[in-house]
C-alpha atoms as a PDB file:
ATOM      1  CA  MET A   1     -34.267 107.866  25.569  1.00  0.00           C
ATOM      2  CA  LYS A   2     -38.499 109.124  25.813  1.00  0.00           C
ATOM      3  CA  GLN A   3     -38.224 107.979  29.854  1.00  0.00           C
ATOM      4  CA  MET A   4     -35.455 109.869  30.234  1.00  0.00           C
ATOM      5  CA  LEU A   5     -36.939 112.946  28.916  1.00  0.00           C
ATOM      6  CA  LYS A   6     -39.877 112.505  31.148  1.00  0.00           C
ATOM      7  CA  LEU A   7     -37.348 112.086  34.307  1.00  0.00           C
ATOM      8  CA  ASN A   8     -35.535 115.385  33.478  1.00  0.00           C
ATOM      9  CA  VAL A   9     -39.471 117.637  32.539  1.00  0.00           C
ATOM     10  CA  TRP A  10     -40.046 116.047  35.952  1.00  0.00           C
ATOM     11  CA  GLN A  11     -37.000 116.643  37.832  1.00  0.00           C
ATOM     12  CA  GLU A  12     -37.091 120.055  35.941  1.00  0.00           C
ATOM     13  CA  THR A  13     -40.466 120.887  36.783  1.00  0.00           C
ATOM     14  CA  LYS A  14     -40.397 119.903  41.042  1.00  0.00           C
ATOM     15  CA  ASP A  15     -37.648 122.277  40.679  1.00  0.00           C
ATOM     16  CA  TYR A  16     -39.621 125.416  39.798  1.00  0.00           C
ATOM     17  CA  ILE A  17     -42.313 123.908  42.481  1.00  0.00           C
ATOM     18  CA  PHE A  18     -39.477 123.875  45.185  1.00  0.00           C
ATOM     19  CA  ILE A  19     -37.941 127.621  44.237  1.00  0.00           C
ATOM     20  CA  SER A  20     -41.511 128.945  44.080  1.00  0.00           C
ATOM     21  CA  PHE A  21     -42.238 127.839  47.602  1.00  0.00           C
ATOM     22  CA  GLY A  22     -38.257 128.612  49.103  1.00  0.00           C
ATOM     23  CA  LEU A  23     -39.445 132.893  47.309  1.00  0.00           C
ATOM     24  CA  ILE A  24     -42.719 132.550  49.159  1.00  0.00           C
ATOM     25  CA  LEU A  25     -40.599 132.014  52.935  1.00  0.00           C
ATOM     26  CA  TYR A  26     -38.712 135.186  51.583  1.00  0.00           C
ATOM     27  CA  ALA A  27     -41.256 137.247  50.227  1.00  0.00           C
ATOM     28  CA  ILE A  28     -43.135 136.855  54.060  1.00  0.00           C
ATOM     29  CA  GLY A  29     -40.070 137.142  55.879  1.00  0.00           C
ATOM     30  CA  PHE A  30     -38.609 139.980  53.807  1.00  0.00           C
ATOM     31  CA  THR A  31     -42.451 142.010  53.296  1.00  0.00           C
ATOM     32  CA  CYS A  32     -43.861 141.378  56.711  1.00  0.00           C
ATOM     33  CA  PHE A  33     -40.765 141.295  59.732  1.00  0.00           C
ATOM     34  CA  MET A  34     -38.348 143.738  57.432  1.00  0.00           C
ATOM     35  CA  LEU A  35     -40.018 146.494  55.975  1.00  0.00           C
ATOM     36  CA  PRO A  36     -42.313 147.535  58.569  1.00  0.00           C
ATOM     37  CA  TYR A  37     -39.788 147.367  61.192  1.00  0.00           C
ATOM     38  CA  GLN A  38     -37.415 149.354  58.975  1.00  0.00           C
ATOM     39  CA  ILE A  39     -35.143 146.338  58.999  1.00  0.00           C
ATOM     40  CA  THR A  40     -32.022 146.407  56.414  1.00  0.00           C
ATOM     41  CA  THR A  41     -30.880 142.916  55.422  1.00  0.00           C
ATOM     42  CA  GLY A  42     -28.208 142.365  53.019  1.00  0.00           C
ATOM     43  CA  GLY A  43     -28.522 142.094  48.988  1.00  0.00           C
ATOM     44  CA  VAL A  44     -30.323 143.725  46.217  1.00  0.00           C
ATOM     45  CA  SER A  45     -33.017 143.518  48.815  1.00  0.00           C
ATOM     46  CA  GLY A  46     -31.016 145.679  51.349  1.00  0.00           C
ATOM     47  CA  ILE A  47     -30.555 148.367  48.868  1.00  0.00           C
ATOM     48  CA  SER A  48     -34.172 148.448  47.884  1.00  0.00           C
ATOM     49  CA  ALA A  49     -35.333 148.506  51.623  1.00  0.00           C
ATOM     50  CA  ILE A  50     -32.713 151.560  51.943  1.00  0.00           C
ATOM     51  CA  ILE A  51     -34.363 153.230  48.662  1.00  0.00           C
ATOM     52  CA  TYR A  52     -37.865 152.454  50.042  1.00  0.00           C
ATOM     53  CA  TYR A  53     -36.866 153.975  53.280  1.00  0.00           C
ATOM     54  CA  SER A  54     -35.344 156.773  52.109  1.00  0.00           C
ATOM     55  CA  THR A  55     -37.812 157.900  49.611  1.00  0.00           C
ATOM     56  CA  GLY A  56     -40.738 155.062  49.941  1.00  0.00           C
ATOM     57  CA  PHE A  57     -40.286 153.882  46.248  1.00  0.00           C
ATOM     58  CA  PRO A  58     -42.042 150.810  46.292  1.00  0.00           C
ATOM     59  CA  VAL A  59     -39.404 147.958  46.853  1.00  0.00           C
ATOM     60  CA  GLN A  60     -40.641 145.283  44.421  1.00  0.00           C
ATOM     61  CA  TYR A  61     -39.399 147.945  41.447  1.00  0.00           C
ATOM     62  CA  SER A  62     -35.719 148.986  42.826  1.00  0.00           C
ATOM     63  CA  TYR A  63     -35.336 145.280  43.109  1.00  0.00           C
ATOM     64  CA  LEU A  64     -36.523 144.592  39.342  1.00  0.00           C
ATOM     65  CA  LEU A  65     -34.917 146.865  38.228  1.00  0.00           C
ATOM     66  CA  ILE A  66     -30.997 146.751  40.053  1.00  0.00           C
ATOM     67  CA  ASN A  67     -31.473 142.703  39.362  1.00  0.00           C
ATOM     68  CA  SER A  68     -32.251 144.159  35.543  1.00  0.00           C
ATOM     69  CA  LEU A  69     -28.966 146.112  35.428  1.00  0.00           C
ATOM     70  CA  LEU A  70     -27.217 143.440  36.905  1.00  0.00           C
ATOM     71  CA  LEU A  71     -28.519 140.832  34.437  1.00  0.00           C
ATOM     72  CA  VAL A  72     -27.746 142.806  31.645  1.00  0.00           C
ATOM     73  CA  VAL A  73     -23.975 143.748  32.407  1.00  0.00           C
ATOM     74  CA  ALA A  74     -23.024 140.149  33.444  1.00  0.00           C
ATOM     75  CA  ILE A  75     -24.870 137.985  31.095  1.00  0.00           C
ATOM     76  CA  LYS A  76     -21.570 138.360  28.527  1.00  0.00           C
ATOM     77  CA  MET A  77     -19.524 137.538  30.703  1.00  0.00           C
ATOM     78  CA  LEU A  78     -20.784 134.811  32.563  1.00  0.00           C
ATOM     79  CA  GLY A  79     -23.525 133.271  29.753  1.00  0.00           C
ATOM     80  CA  LEU A  80     -26.881 132.408  29.433  1.00  0.00           C
ATOM     81  CA  ARG A  81     -26.751 129.413  31.272  1.00  0.00           C
ATOM     82  CA  PHE A  82     -26.028 130.933  34.584  1.00  0.00           C
ATOM     83  CA  PHE A  83     -29.246 132.965  34.410  1.00  0.00           C
ATOM     84  CA  ALA A  84     -31.688 129.964  33.034  1.00  0.00           C
ATOM     85  CA  LYS A  85     -33.409 129.996  36.895  1.00  0.00           C
ATOM     86  CA  THR A  86     -31.834 133.340  37.789  1.00  0.00           C
ATOM     87  CA  ILE A  87     -34.302 135.353  35.811  1.00  0.00           C
ATOM     88  CA  VAL A  88     -37.728 133.258  37.177  1.00  0.00           C
ATOM     89  CA  GLY A  89     -36.481 133.524  40.718  1.00  0.00           C
ATOM     90  CA  ILE A  90     -35.953 137.921  40.203  1.00  0.00           C
ATOM     91  CA  LEU A  91     -39.323 137.987  38.857  1.00  0.00           C
ATOM     92  CA  GLY A  92     -40.776 135.178  41.165  1.00  0.00           C
ATOM     93  CA  ALA A  93     -40.091 137.496  44.029  1.00  0.00           C
ATOM     94  CA  THR A  94     -40.464 140.787  42.338  1.00  0.00           C
ATOM     95  CA  PHE A  95     -44.103 139.887  41.966  1.00  0.00           C
ATOM     96  CA  LEU A  96     -44.260 138.177  45.527  1.00  0.00           C
ATOM     97  CA  MET A  97     -43.438 141.121  47.472  1.00  0.00           C
ATOM     98  CA  GLY A  98     -45.623 143.359  45.707  1.00  0.00           C
ATOM     99  CA  PHE A  99     -48.378 141.122  46.241  1.00  0.00           C
ATOM    100  CA  ILE A 100     -48.120 140.701  49.666  1.00  0.00           C
ATOM    101  CA  GLN A 101     -47.664 144.406  50.457  1.00  0.00           C
ATOM    102  CA  GLU A 102     -51.177 144.750  48.517  1.00  0.00           C
ATOM    103  CA  LEU A 103     -52.501 141.708  50.908  1.00  0.00           C
ATOM    104  CA  ILE A 104     -51.287 143.466  54.121  1.00  0.00           C
ATOM    105  CA  THR A 105     -51.269 146.822  54.076  1.00  0.00           C
ATOM    106  CA  ASP A 106     -54.059 148.357  55.540  1.00  0.00           C
ATOM    107  CA  GLU A 107     -56.272 151.370  54.901  1.00  0.00           C
ATOM    108  CA  GLN A 108     -53.837 154.266  55.458  1.00  0.00           C
ATOM    109  CA  GLY A 109     -51.183 152.722  53.182  1.00  0.00           C
ATOM    110  CA  ASN A 110     -49.025 151.613  55.816  1.00  0.00           C
ATOM    111  CA  LEU A 111     -47.341 147.731  56.651  1.00  0.00           C
ATOM    112  CA  PRO A 112     -49.038 146.756  59.460  1.00  0.00           C
ATOM    113  CA  ARG A 113     -46.326 145.738  62.312  1.00  0.00           C
ATOM    114  CA  ILE A 114     -47.467 142.195  63.282  1.00  0.00           C
ATOM    115  CA  LEU A 115     -45.622 141.436  66.194  1.00  0.00           C
ATOM    116  CA  GLY A 116     -46.274 145.505  67.959  1.00  0.00           C
ATOM    117  CA  ASP A 117     -43.281 146.894  69.384  1.00  0.00           C
ATOM    118  CA  GLN A 118     -40.678 143.408  68.722  1.00  0.00           C
ATOM    119  CA  THR A 119     -38.864 144.806  67.046  1.00  0.00           C
ATOM    120  CA  PHE A 120     -36.117 142.057  67.568  1.00  0.00           C
ATOM    121  CA  MET A 121     -38.070 139.150  67.647  1.00  0.00           C
ATOM    122  CA  ALA A 122     -39.232 140.562  63.856  1.00  0.00           C
ATOM    123  CA  CYS A 123     -35.752 139.847  63.375  1.00  0.00           C
ATOM    124  CA  VAL A 124     -35.506 136.537  64.195  1.00  0.00           C
ATOM    125  CA  ILE A 125     -38.174 135.628  62.487  1.00  0.00           C
ATOM    126  CA  GLY A 126     -37.960 137.536  59.794  1.00  0.00           C
ATOM    127  CA  GLY A 127     -34.174 136.518  59.202  1.00  0.00           C
ATOM    128  CA  CYS A 128     -35.244 132.607  59.639  1.00  0.00           C
ATOM    129  CA  LEU A 129     -38.401 132.715  57.097  1.00  0.00           C
ATOM    130  CA  GLU A 130     -34.721 134.697  54.535  1.00  0.00           C
ATOM    131  CA  GLY A 131     -32.901 131.563  55.322  1.00  0.00           C
ATOM    132  CA  ALA A 132     -35.240 129.241  54.937  1.00  0.00           C
ATOM    133  CA  GLY A 133     -36.422 130.758  51.816  1.00  0.00           C
ATOM    134  CA  LEU A 134     -32.950 130.633  49.605  1.00  0.00           C
ATOM    135  CA  ALA A 135     -32.076 127.439  51.016  1.00  0.00           C
ATOM    136  CA  VAL A 136     -34.708 126.288  49.797  1.00  0.00           C
ATOM    137  CA  VAL A 137     -34.259 128.117  46.275  1.00  0.00           C
ATOM    138  CA  PHE A 138     -30.289 127.255  46.070  1.00  0.00           C
ATOM    139  CA  LEU A 139     -31.085 123.513  47.299  1.00  0.00           C
ATOM    140  CA  ASN A 140     -33.075 123.636  44.324  1.00  0.00           C
ATOM    141  CA  ASN A 141     -30.394 124.612  41.269  1.00  0.00           C
ATOM    142  CA  GLY A 142     -32.459 128.298  41.479  1.00  0.00           C
ATOM    143  CA  SER A 143     -31.188 131.791  42.527  1.00  0.00           C
ATOM    144  CA  THR A 144     -32.964 135.152  43.100  1.00  0.00           C
ATOM    145  CA  GLY A 145     -30.581 137.093  41.637  1.00  0.00           C
ATOM    146  CA  GLY A 146     -28.644 140.026  43.461  1.00  0.00           C
ATOM    147  CA  THR A 147     -25.419 140.500  44.866  1.00  0.00           C
ATOM    148  CA  ASP A 148     -24.343 136.747  44.129  1.00  0.00           C
ATOM    149  CA  ILE A 149     -24.261 137.982  40.548  1.00  0.00           C
ATOM    150  CA  ILE A 150     -21.800 140.918  41.176  1.00  0.00           C
ATOM    151  CA  ALA A 151     -19.708 138.288  43.292  1.00  0.00           C
ATOM    152  CA  ALA A 152     -19.386 135.592  40.614  1.00  0.00           C
ATOM    153  CA  VAL A 153     -18.549 137.997  37.914  1.00  0.00           C
ATOM    154  CA  VAL A 154     -15.644 139.732  40.284  1.00  0.00           C
ATOM    155  CA  ASN A 155     -14.761 136.123  41.287  1.00  0.00           C
ATOM    156  CA  LYS A 156     -14.258 135.464  37.253  1.00  0.00           C
ATOM    157  CA  TYR A 157     -11.652 137.898  37.117  1.00  0.00           C
ATOM    158  CA  ARG A 158      -9.880 138.047  40.685  1.00  0.00           C
ATOM    159  CA  ASP A 159      -8.555 136.302  42.858  1.00  0.00           C
ATOM    160  CA  VAL A 160     -11.674 136.566  45.720  1.00  0.00           C
ATOM    161  CA  THR A 161     -14.238 133.793  46.748  1.00  0.00           C
ATOM    162  CA  ILE A 162     -18.013 134.307  45.645  1.00  0.00           C
ATOM    163  CA  GLY A 163     -18.748 133.934  49.541  1.00  0.00           C
ATOM    164  CA  ARG A 164     -15.847 136.782  50.664  1.00  0.00           C
ATOM    165  CA  MET A 165     -17.592 139.421  48.059  1.00  0.00           C
ATOM    166  CA  MET A 166     -21.244 138.951  49.357  1.00  0.00           C
ATOM    167  CA  MET A 167     -19.709 139.200  53.087  1.00  0.00           C
ATOM    168  CA  TYR A 168     -17.856 142.398  51.764  1.00  0.00           C
ATOM    169  CA  MET A 169     -21.100 143.667  49.788  1.00  0.00           C
ATOM    170  CA  ASP A 170     -23.271 142.816  52.677  1.00  0.00           C
ATOM    171  CA  PHE A 171     -21.191 144.495  55.091  1.00  0.00           C
ATOM    172  CA  LEU A 172     -21.304 147.588  53.022  1.00  0.00           C
ATOM    173  CA  ILE A 173     -25.189 147.421  52.195  1.00  0.00           C
ATOM    174  CA  VAL A 174     -26.391 146.833  56.329  1.00  0.00           C
ATOM    175  CA  SER A 175     -23.364 149.792  57.528  1.00  0.00           C
ATOM    176  CA  SER A 176     -25.330 152.521  55.227  1.00  0.00           C
ATOM    177  CA  CYS A 177     -28.459 152.153  56.823  1.00  0.00           C
ATOM    178  CA  TYR A 178     -26.889 154.348  58.990  1.00  0.00           C
ATOM    179  CA  PHE A 179     -27.056 157.256  56.468  1.00  0.00           C
ATOM    180  CA  VAL A 180     -31.073 157.351  56.406  1.00  0.00           C
ATOM    181  CA  PHE A 181     -31.951 156.635  60.385  1.00  0.00           C
ATOM    182  CA  HIS A 182     -28.725 158.351  62.027  1.00  0.00           C
ATOM    183  CA  ASP A 183     -29.019 155.207  64.465  1.00  0.00           C
ATOM    184  CA  TRP A 184     -26.117 152.887  65.353  1.00  0.00           C
ATOM    185  CA  GLN A 185     -29.185 150.656  66.616  1.00  0.00           C
ATOM    186  CA  LYS A 186     -30.828 149.735  63.057  1.00  0.00           C
ATOM    187  CA  VAL A 187     -27.739 148.902  61.985  1.00  0.00           C
ATOM    188  CA  VAL A 188     -26.915 146.425  64.590  1.00  0.00           C
ATOM    189  CA  VAL A 189     -29.918 144.610  64.187  1.00  0.00           C
ATOM    190  CA  GLY A 190     -29.537 144.606  60.567  1.00  0.00           C
ATOM    191  CA  PHE A 191     -26.560 142.441  60.901  1.00  0.00           C
ATOM    192  CA  SER A 192     -28.230 140.584  63.675  1.00  0.00           C
ATOM    193  CA  THR A 193     -30.908 139.879  60.837  1.00  0.00           C
ATOM    194  CA  LEU A 194     -28.097 138.989  58.587  1.00  0.00           C
ATOM    195  CA  ILE A 195     -26.079 136.859  60.539  1.00  0.00           C
ATOM    196  CA  ILE A 196     -29.658 134.795  61.647  1.00  0.00           C
ATOM    197  CA  SER A 197     -30.330 134.758  58.056  1.00  0.00           C
ATOM    198  CA  MET A 198     -27.115 132.463  57.122  1.00  0.00           C
ATOM    199  CA  VAL A 199     -27.008 130.363  60.353  1.00  0.00           C
ATOM    200  CA  MET A 200     -30.773 129.603  59.265  1.00  0.00           C
ATOM    201  CA  LEU A 201     -29.512 129.019  55.686  1.00  0.00           C
ATOM    202  CA  ASP A 202     -26.686 126.985  56.367  1.00  0.00           C
ATOM    203  CA  TYR A 203     -28.287 124.634  58.839  1.00  0.00           C
ATOM    204  CA  VAL A 204     -31.596 124.107  55.988  1.00  0.00           C
ATOM    205  CA  MET A 205     -29.004 123.063  53.407  1.00  0.00           C
ATOM    206  CA  ASN A 206     -26.208 121.214  55.347  1.00  0.00           C
ATOM    207  CA  SER A 207     -29.569 119.086  57.246  1.00  0.00           C
ATOM    208  CA  ALA A 208     -31.076 118.412  53.250  1.00  0.00           C
ATOM    209  CA  ARG A 209     -27.652 116.751  52.217  1.00  0.00           C
ATOM    210  CA  GLN A 210     -26.744 115.160  55.489  1.00  0.00           C
ATOM    211  CA  SER A 211     -25.624 111.979  55.424  1.00  0.00           C
ATOM    212  CA  VAL A 212     -23.535 108.912  57.169  1.00  0.00           C
ATOM    213  CA  GLN A 213     -21.191 106.490  56.051  1.00  0.00           C
ATOM    214  CA  PHE A 214     -20.719 103.227  58.259  1.00  0.00           C
ATOM    215  CA  LEU A 215     -17.473 101.112  58.291  1.00  0.00           C
ATOM    216  CA  ILE A 216     -18.642  97.603  59.720  1.00  0.00           C
ATOM    217  CA  PHE A 217     -16.330  94.512  60.350  1.00  0.00           C
ATOM    218  CA  SER A 218     -17.830  91.457  61.411  1.00  0.00           C
ATOM    219  CA  ASN A 219     -17.659  88.054  60.611  1.00  0.00           C
ATOM    220  CA  LYS A 220     -20.897  87.675  59.109  1.00  0.00           C
ATOM    221  CA  TYR A 221     -20.132  90.851  56.954  1.00  0.00           C
ATOM    222  CA  ASP A 222     -22.184  88.700  54.237  1.00  0.00           C
ATOM    223  CA  GLU A 223     -25.235  87.858  56.332  1.00  0.00           C
ATOM    224  CA  ILE A 224     -25.859  92.307  57.316  1.00  0.00           C
ATOM    225  CA  ALA A 225     -24.913  92.826  53.846  1.00  0.00           C
ATOM    226  CA  GLN A 226     -28.210  91.054  52.032  1.00  0.00           C
ATOM    227  CA  ALA A 227     -30.399  92.305  55.331  1.00  0.00           C
ATOM    228  CA  ILE A 228     -29.167  95.967  54.449  1.00  0.00           C
ATOM    229  CA  SER A 229     -29.729  95.447  50.519  1.00  0.00           C
ATOM    230  CA  SER A 230     -32.588  93.667  50.603  1.00  0.00           C
ATOM    231  CA  GLN A 231     -34.902  95.641  53.727  1.00  0.00           C
ATOM    232  CA  LEU A 232     -33.058  99.264  53.601  1.00  0.00           C
ATOM    233  CA  ASP A 233     -32.580  99.129  49.898  1.00  0.00           C
ATOM    234  CA  ARG A 234     -29.376 100.642  49.828  1.00  0.00           C
ATOM    235  CA  GLY A 235     -26.384  99.749  47.906  1.00  0.00           C
ATOM    236  CA  VAL A 236     -22.907  98.261  50.154  1.00  0.00           C
ATOM    237  CA  THR A 237     -19.716  97.661  48.943  1.00  0.00           C
ATOM    238  CA  VAL A 238     -17.210  95.340  50.189  1.00  0.00           C
ATOM    239  CA  LEU A 239     -13.609  96.048  50.860  1.00  0.00           C
ATOM    240  CA  HIS A 240     -10.829  93.468  51.269  1.00  0.00           C
ATOM    241  CA  GLY A 241      -8.782  94.351  54.242  1.00  0.00           C
ATOM    242  CA  GLU A 242      -6.189  92.491  56.373  1.00  0.00           C
ATOM    243  CA  GLY A 243      -5.534  92.640  60.205  1.00  0.00           C
ATOM    244  CA  TRP A 244      -2.394  94.522  60.611  1.00  0.00           C
ATOM    245  CA  TYR A 245      -1.881  92.744  63.981  1.00  0.00           C
ATOM    246  CA  SER A 246      -3.358  89.266  63.084  1.00  0.00           C
ATOM    247  CA  LYS A 247      -2.609  89.384  59.636  1.00  0.00           C
ATOM    248  CA  GLU A 248      -5.366  87.803  58.524  1.00  0.00           C
ATOM    249  CA  ALA A 249      -8.356  88.658  55.717  1.00  0.00           C
ATOM    250  CA  ARG A 250     -10.865  90.711  56.798  1.00  0.00           C
ATOM    251  CA  LYS A 251     -14.336  92.269  54.640  1.00  0.00           C
ATOM    252  CA  VAL A 252     -14.926  95.320  55.599  1.00  0.00           C
ATOM    253  CA  LEU A 253     -18.736  96.901  54.385  1.00  0.00           C
ATOM    254  CA  VAL A 254     -19.149 100.246  53.255  1.00  0.00           C
ATOM    255  CA  ILE A 255     -22.605 101.839  53.078  1.00  0.00           C
ATOM    256  CA  LEU A 256     -24.053 105.061  52.436  1.00  0.00           C
ATOM    257  CA  ALA A 257     -27.539 105.951  53.694  1.00  0.00           C
ATOM    258  CA  LYS A 258     -29.933 109.078  54.834  1.00  0.00           C
ATOM    259  CA  ARG A 259     -28.985 110.411  58.734  1.00  0.00           C
ATOM    260  CA  ARG A 260     -33.040 108.978  59.693  1.00  0.00           C
ATOM    261  CA  GLU A 261     -31.821 105.307  58.595  1.00  0.00           C
ATOM    262  CA  SER A 262     -28.617 105.462  61.067  1.00  0.00           C
ATOM    263  CA  VAL A 263     -31.132 103.348  63.835  1.00  0.00           C
ATOM    264  CA  TYR A 264     -32.643 100.901  61.869  1.00  0.00           C
ATOM    265  CA  ILE A 265     -28.830 100.121  60.494  1.00  0.00           C
ATOM    266  CA  PHE A 266     -27.762  99.521  63.792  1.00  0.00           C
ATOM    267  CA  ARG A 267     -30.987  97.331  64.334  1.00  0.00           C
ATOM    268  CA  LEU A 268     -30.298  95.360  61.801  1.00  0.00           C
ATOM    269  CA  ILE A 269     -26.532  94.816  62.316  1.00  0.00           C
ATOM    270  CA  ASN A 270     -26.802  94.097  66.553  1.00  0.00           C
ATOM    271  CA  GLN A 271     -29.424  91.164  65.116  1.00  0.00           C
ATOM    272  CA  ILE A 272     -26.763  89.638  63.474  1.00  0.00           C
ATOM    273  CA  ASP A 273     -23.709  90.384  65.079  1.00  0.00           C
ATOM    274  CA  PRO A 274     -23.692  92.302  68.136  1.00  0.00           C
ATOM    275  CA  ARG A 275     -20.416  91.765  68.064  1.00  0.00           C
ATOM    276  CA  ALA A 276     -19.499  93.241  64.705  1.00  0.00           C
ATOM    277  CA  PHE A 277     -16.945  96.910  64.899  1.00  0.00           C
ATOM    278  CA  VAL A 278     -18.807  99.134  63.537  1.00  0.00           C
ATOM    279  CA  SER A 279     -17.709 103.298  62.278  1.00  0.00           C
ATOM    280  CA  GLN A 280     -20.343 106.001  61.502  1.00  0.00           C
ATOM    281  CA  SER A 281     -19.116 109.027  60.107  1.00  0.00           C
ATOM    282  CA  ASN A 282     -20.976 112.416  59.033  1.00  0.00           C
ATOM    283  CA  VAL A 283     -21.131 113.217  55.032  1.00  0.00           C
ATOM    284  CA  VAL A 284     -22.097 116.373  53.560  1.00  0.00           C
ATOM    285  CA  GLY A 285     -22.987 115.795  50.044  1.00  0.00           C
ATOM    286  CA  VAL A 286     -23.548 112.289  49.101  1.00  0.00           C
ATOM    287  CA  TYR A 287     -24.368 112.650  44.523  1.00  0.00           C
ATOM    288  CA  GLY A 288     -25.534 109.871  42.600  1.00  0.00           C
ATOM    289  CA  GLU A 289     -28.943 107.318  42.698  1.00  0.00           C
ATOM    290  CA  GLY A 290     -30.879 107.290  45.988  1.00  0.00           C
ATOM    291  CA  PHE A 291     -28.947 110.481  47.132  1.00  0.00           C
ATOM    292  CA  ASP A 292     -28.387 114.322  45.222  1.00  0.00           C
ATOM    293  CA  LYS A 293     -28.629 114.636  42.251  1.00  0.00           C
ATOM    294  CA  ILE A 294     -25.341 116.550  41.118  1.00  0.00           C
ATOM    295  CA  LYS A 295     -26.499 119.856  39.773  1.00  0.00           C
ATOM    296  CA  VAL A 296     -24.869 122.508  37.871  1.00  0.00           C
ATOM    297  CA  LYS A 297     -25.412 125.742  36.442  1.00  0.00           C
END
């Protein structure tokens, strides 16, 4: 029981460490590359940016205020458990946005354009940092609040997926920056940033979770299973099959492993039985011992 408690405490601590790292990446991308170039993104940060561009009101304060209102409205509908790490994410993002702005603001009170007049480059770098940061937060069961709270509430009472609802809201937020700048180029850059950040988010999340599955047909299945189990420390399952044409009994090995371990597995198989028949397929999302933990908010 004590050992299990220690493991849970360590897992929670590790989650918060990685969530903090993801928030730092997101805050750097947003504060250093979005705000100085007046680029609008989706979510509550996009709404806060529009307020900042039009009134000069500090973006971190509007970000905190809007998220606080959303939490108060939705807390009865979604329950306290949903917001366990969301509150930490909101407070962390608010602090980092303000801290980084104080850090980089010049003597005239302006945010410097690090890349000069390269607005599109700022869009690419900022979008990549935001997407990667959000992916790290989500992979560790965290949340930055915002429009995903609204999407979760709508999803609970209407037949609209969370992803589609967030897409609708992001489209509306980015499009609304036209009424501030009256410049369609700003809208196009905003959508470009949104797409880049979404692609980066998916890439990082899928890369972190990507695993492979092997089906191995070999007469030396016992030697292969022993080698993989002892040298790679991966579990091996033996299926009992039968050849349809030959009617001969066959043993089939099933192995789940990380993609980076594929080359090593092939080398072991080739050393033991070069004539083995091997099938490899991609598997996204393997949960259990040796892989990802099942995380429920």
